[in-house]
């Protein structure tokens, strides 16, 4: 298709070959289909393996953003991304702790009410 939008070409490419791998940008922390980033599955697999060795991968949008930036800014942006991920994990732990604490409180409240009934404690 002549003059077709680039996204249409990507959609067509995805339909032709459904194999893709999810890959996360080390800067913006968004997940992408490897095909949407013009990566072969084998390339995306290699990038994921190299990530465990500290190799960073940036999506095409972030690559454009960091072009011309100083290495210290790139490092700070990467650190910010890591901090954001840590905050998300901590928020999950806080939610889990709050749920657990609420359950314990309800159990204690029920137990106290039952004890009060058995011993005829006056209601306050």
Foldseek 3Di string as FASTA:
>chain_A
DPPDDPVVVLVVVCVVPVDWDWAAALQQRDIDTCSVQVHDRVRRVVQVVCVVVVDGDHGPVVVVVCVPPDPVVVVVSSVVSVVVVVVVVVVVVVVVVVVVVVVVVVVVVVVVVVVCVVVVPDDD
